[in-house]
Amino acid sequence: MVVEHIIYKENGEEFKSFLNSNWYDTATPYQLCISELKKIKNEIDSGKAFLIVSYDQKYKISTSKEFEKWIVNIFLGGFEKFVFEK
């Protein structure tokens, strides 16, 4: 298992890391992943920004919309419908 996505705080400190989304394909890992993604979203909603490195590409994320776009287009797996549910 290889970490594919690393989330860094603005100060460069590693905040969270994730495997490829395919590893979260059963109920418990899927729910854990949703919970962790929601924590990141809540941090963003409180004004924090993150640098996400996915597959050696860097993404500066400072809004929920940017984070949602990253989940949909890069992280994959359909997590956005649960992370951003109203």
N, C-alpha and C. Protein backbone atom coordinates (compact mmCIF):
# COMPACT_ATOMS: atom_id res chain seq x y z
N MET A 1 0.85 -1.18 0.00
CA MET A 1 0.00 0.00 0.00
C MET A 1 0.89 1.24 0.00
N VAL A 2 0.59 2.13 -0.90
CA VAL A 2 1.37 3.34 -1.06
C VAL A 2 0.48 4.55 -0.79
N VAL A 3 0.98 5.47 -0.01
CA VAL A 3 0.26 6.72 0.22
C VAL A 3 0.27 7.52 -1.08
N GLU A 4 -0.91 7.88 -1.56
CA GLU A 4 -1.03 8.61 -2.82
C GLU A 4 -1.35 10.09 -2.63
N HIS A 5 -1.91 10.44 -1.46
CA HIS A 5 -2.36 11.80 -1.23
C HIS A 5 -1.90 12.24 0.15
N ILE A 6 -1.16 13.35 0.21
CA ILE A 6 -0.70 13.89 1.48
C ILE A 6 -1.21 15.31 1.61
N ILE A 7 -1.83 15.63 2.75
CA ILE A 7 -2.37 16.96 2.99
C ILE A 7 -1.47 17.65 4.00
N TYR A 8 -0.99 18.84 3.62
CA TYR A 8 -0.12 19.63 4.47
C TYR A 8 -0.82 20.89 4.93
N LYS A 9 -0.57 21.28 6.17
CA LYS A 9 -1.04 22.56 6.68
C LYS A 9 -0.24 23.67 6.00
N GLU A 10 -0.70 24.90 6.16
CA GLU A 10 -0.01 26.04 5.56
C GLU A 10 1.44 26.16 6.03
N ASN A 11 1.72 25.72 7.25
CA ASN A 11 3.08 25.82 7.77
C ASN A 11 3.98 24.68 7.30
N GLY A 12 3.45 23.79 6.45
CA GLY A 12 4.22 22.69 5.89
C GLY A 12 4.12 21.39 6.67
N GLU A 13 3.46 21.42 7.82
CA GLU A 13 3.31 20.23 8.64
C GLU A 13 2.30 19.27 8.00
N GLU A 14 2.66 17.98 7.97
CA GLU A 14 1.74 16.99 7.42
C GLU A 14 0.52 16.88 8.32
N PHE A 15 -0.67 16.96 7.72
CA PHE A 15 -1.93 16.95 8.46
C PHE A 15 -2.62 15.59 8.35
N LYS A 16 -2.75 15.08 7.16
CA LYS A 16 -3.39 13.78 6.91
C LYS A 16 -2.76 13.17 5.67
N SER A 17 -2.92 11.87 5.53
CA SER A 17 -2.50 11.20 4.29
C SER A 17 -3.50 10.09 3.98
N PHE A 18 -3.62 9.79 2.70
CA PHE A 18 -4.58 8.79 2.24
C PHE A 18 -3.93 7.88 1.21
N LEU A 19 -4.40 6.65 1.20
CA LEU A 19 -4.05 5.71 0.15
C LEU A 19 -4.89 6.06 -1.08
N ASN A 20 -4.69 5.33 -2.15
CA ASN A 20 -5.57 5.46 -3.31
C ASN A 20 -6.99 5.17 -2.86
N SER A 21 -7.96 5.88 -3.38
CA SER A 21 -9.34 5.74 -2.92
C SER A 21 -9.89 4.33 -3.09
N ASN A 22 -9.30 3.53 -3.96
CA ASN A 22 -9.74 2.15 -4.14
C ASN A 22 -9.59 1.32 -2.87
N TRP A 23 -8.70 1.71 -1.97
CA TRP A 23 -8.49 0.97 -0.73
C TRP A 23 -9.64 1.17 0.26
N TYR A 24 -10.49 2.16 0.02
CA TYR A 24 -11.59 2.46 0.94
C TYR A 24 -12.91 1.93 0.37
N ASP A 25 -12.91 0.69 -0.09
CA ASP A 25 -14.06 0.16 -0.82
C ASP A 25 -15.02 -0.67 0.01
N THR A 26 -14.76 -0.83 1.29
CA THR A 26 -15.72 -1.53 2.15
C THR A 26 -16.26 -0.55 3.19
N ALA A 27 -17.31 -0.91 3.87
CA ALA A 27 -18.05 0.03 4.71
C ALA A 27 -17.20 0.75 5.75
N THR A 28 -16.47 0.04 6.57
CA THR A 28 -15.73 0.70 7.65
C THR A 28 -14.64 1.62 7.12
N PRO A 29 -13.77 1.17 6.21
CA PRO A 29 -12.76 2.11 5.68
C PRO A 29 -13.39 3.30 4.94
N TYR A 30 -14.49 3.05 4.23
CA TYR A 30 -15.17 4.12 3.50
C TYR A 30 -15.68 5.19 4.47
N GLN A 31 -16.31 4.75 5.56
CA GLN A 31 -16.83 5.69 6.55
C GLN A 31 -15.70 6.45 7.24
N LEU A 32 -14.60 5.77 7.54
CA LEU A 32 -13.44 6.43 8.14
C LEU A 32 -12.89 7.50 7.20
N CYS A 33 -12.78 7.18 5.93
CA CYS A 33 -12.28 8.13 4.94
C CYS A 33 -13.21 9.35 4.85
N ILE A 34 -14.51 9.13 4.83
CA ILE A 34 -15.48 10.24 4.80
C ILE A 34 -15.29 11.12 6.03
N SER A 35 -15.14 10.51 7.19
CA SER A 35 -14.93 11.27 8.42
C SER A 35 -13.68 12.13 8.36
N GLU A 36 -12.60 11.57 7.85
CA GLU A 36 -11.34 12.32 7.75
C GLU A 36 -11.44 13.44 6.72
N LEU A 37 -12.10 13.19 5.60
CA LEU A 37 -12.30 14.23 4.60
C LEU A 37 -13.18 15.35 5.14
N LYS A 38 -14.20 15.00 5.95
CA LYS A 38 -15.05 16.02 6.57
C LYS A 38 -14.25 16.89 7.53
N LYS A 39 -13.29 16.30 8.25
CA LYS A 39 -12.44 17.08 9.15
C LYS A 39 -11.64 18.11 8.36
N ILE A 40 -11.13 17.70 7.22
CA ILE A 40 -10.38 18.64 6.37
C ILE A 40 -11.31 19.75 5.88
N LYS A 41 -12.51 19.37 5.43
CA LYS A 41 -13.48 20.37 4.96
C LYS A 41 -13.80 21.37 6.06
N ASN A 42 -13.99 20.88 7.30
CA ASN A 42 -14.29 21.77 8.41
C ASN A 42 -13.14 22.74 8.69
N GLU A 43 -11.93 22.27 8.56
CA GLU A 43 -10.76 23.14 8.73
C GLU A 43 -10.74 24.22 7.64
N ILE A 44 -11.05 23.83 6.42
CA ILE A 44 -11.10 24.78 5.30
C ILE A 44 -12.21 25.80 5.55
N ASP A 45 -13.37 25.33 6.00
CA ASP A 45 -14.50 26.22 6.28
C ASP A 45 -14.17 27.22 7.40
N SER A 46 -13.23 26.86 8.27
CA SER A 46 -12.84 27.77 9.35
C SER A 46 -11.69 28.69 8.94
N GLY A 47 -11.33 28.66 7.65
CA GLY A 47 -10.35 29.61 7.13
C GLY A 47 -8.96 29.08 6.91
N LYS A 48 -8.74 27.80 7.12
CA LYS A 48 -7.40 27.23 6.92
C LYS A 48 -7.24 26.79 5.48
N ALA A 49 -6.02 26.83 5.01
CA ALA A 49 -5.69 26.39 3.65
C ALA A 49 -4.74 25.20 3.74
N PHE A 50 -4.72 24.40 2.71
CA PHE A 50 -3.88 23.22 2.67
C PHE A 50 -3.19 23.08 1.33
N LEU A 51 -2.07 22.40 1.35
CA LEU A 51 -1.40 21.98 0.13
C LEU A 51 -1.58 20.47 0.07
N ILE A 52 -2.14 19.98 -1.02
CA ILE A 52 -2.33 18.55 -1.19
C ILE A 52 -1.41 18.09 -2.31
N VAL A 53 -0.65 17.05 -2.02
CA VAL A 53 0.21 16.44 -3.03
C VAL A 53 -0.40 15.09 -3.38
N SER A 54 -0.84 14.98 -4.63
CA SER A 54 -1.46 13.75 -5.13
C SER A 54 -0.75 13.33 -6.40
N TYR A 55 -0.23 12.12 -6.39
CA TYR A 55 0.47 11.60 -7.57
C TYR A 55 1.54 12.58 -8.06
N ASP A 56 2.27 13.15 -7.11
CA ASP A 56 3.36 14.10 -7.37
C ASP A 56 2.91 15.44 -7.94
N GLN A 57 1.61 15.72 -7.94
CA GLN A 57 1.08 17.01 -8.35
C GLN A 57 0.65 17.77 -7.10
N LYS A 58 0.85 19.09 -7.11
CA LYS A 58 0.50 19.91 -5.94
C LYS A 58 -0.77 20.71 -6.21
N TYR A 59 -1.64 20.75 -5.18
CA TYR A 59 -2.91 21.47 -5.27
C TYR A 59 -3.05 22.35 -4.03
N LYS A 60 -3.13 23.66 -4.24
CA LYS A 60 -3.35 24.61 -3.16
C LYS A 60 -4.86 24.70 -2.96
N ILE A 61 -5.32 24.32 -1.76
CA ILE A 61 -6.75 24.26 -1.46
C ILE A 61 -7.06 25.26 -0.35
N SER A 62 -7.87 26.25 -0.66
CA SER A 62 -8.23 27.24 0.37
C SER A 62 -9.73 27.48 0.47
N THR A 63 -10.52 26.82 -0.38
CA THR A 63 -11.97 26.93 -0.31
C THR A 63 -12.60 25.54 -0.39
N SER A 64 -13.82 25.44 0.11
CA SER A 64 -14.54 24.17 0.04
C SER A 64 -14.77 23.75 -1.41
N LYS A 65 -15.00 24.72 -2.28
CA LYS A 65 -15.23 24.41 -3.69
C LYS A 65 -13.98 23.79 -4.31
N GLU A 66 -12.80 24.34 -3.98
CA GLU A 66 -11.55 23.76 -4.48
C GLU A 66 -11.35 22.35 -3.93
N PHE A 67 -11.69 22.15 -2.66
CA PHE A 67 -11.55 20.83 -2.05
C PHE A 67 -12.50 19.83 -2.70
N GLU A 68 -13.73 20.25 -2.93
CA GLU A 68 -14.71 19.38 -3.60
C GLU A 68 -14.21 18.99 -4.99
N LYS A 69 -13.69 19.97 -5.71
CA LYS A 69 -13.16 19.70 -7.06
C LYS A 69 -12.02 18.69 -6.99
N TRP A 70 -11.14 18.82 -5.98
CA TRP A 70 -10.05 17.87 -5.82
C TRP A 70 -10.59 16.47 -5.55
N ILE A 71 -11.59 16.36 -4.66
CA ILE A 71 -12.17 15.05 -4.35
C ILE A 71 -12.77 14.42 -5.61
N VAL A 72 -13.54 15.21 -6.36
CA VAL A 72 -14.23 14.69 -7.55
C VAL A 72 -13.25 14.28 -8.64
N ASN A 73 -12.27 15.14 -8.92
CA ASN A 73 -11.40 14.93 -10.09
C ASN A 73 -10.09 14.18 -9.81
N ILE A 74 -9.61 14.23 -8.58
CA ILE A 74 -8.31 13.63 -8.28
C ILE A 74 -8.45 12.43 -7.33
N PHE A 75 -9.12 12.62 -6.21
CA PHE A 75 -9.24 11.56 -5.21
C PHE A 75 -10.17 10.44 -5.69
N LEU A 76 -11.28 10.83 -6.30
CA LEU A 76 -12.27 9.91 -6.87
C LEU A 76 -12.99 9.10 -5.79
N GLY A 77 -13.85 8.21 -6.19
CA GLY A 77 -14.51 7.30 -5.27
C GLY A 77 -15.90 7.70 -4.82
N GLY A 78 -16.40 8.87 -5.25
CA GLY A 78 -17.75 9.27 -4.88
C GLY A 78 -17.90 9.83 -3.48
N PHE A 79 -16.79 10.17 -2.83
CA PHE A 79 -16.84 10.66 -1.45
C PHE A 79 -17.51 12.02 -1.32
N GLU A 80 -17.48 12.82 -2.38
CA GLU A 80 -18.00 14.18 -2.30
C GLU A 80 -19.46 14.24 -1.90
N LYS A 81 -20.25 13.25 -2.29
CA LYS A 81 -21.69 13.29 -1.96
C LYS A 81 -21.93 13.15 -0.46
N PHE A 82 -20.98 12.56 0.27
CA PHE A 82 -21.12 12.43 1.71
C PHE A 82 -20.39 13.53 2.47
N VAL A 83 -19.27 13.95 1.94
CA VAL A 83 -18.49 15.02 2.60
C VAL A 83 -19.23 16.35 2.54
N PHE A 84 -19.93 16.59 1.45
CA PHE A 84 -20.60 17.87 1.23
C PHE A 84 -22.11 17.78 1.35
N GLU A 85 -22.62 16.70 1.95
CA GLU A 85 -24.08 16.57 2.10
C GLU A 85 -24.62 17.68 2.98
N LYS A 86 -25.79 18.09 2.68
CA LYS A 86 -26.42 19.20 3.42
C LYS A 86 -27.23 18.66 4.56
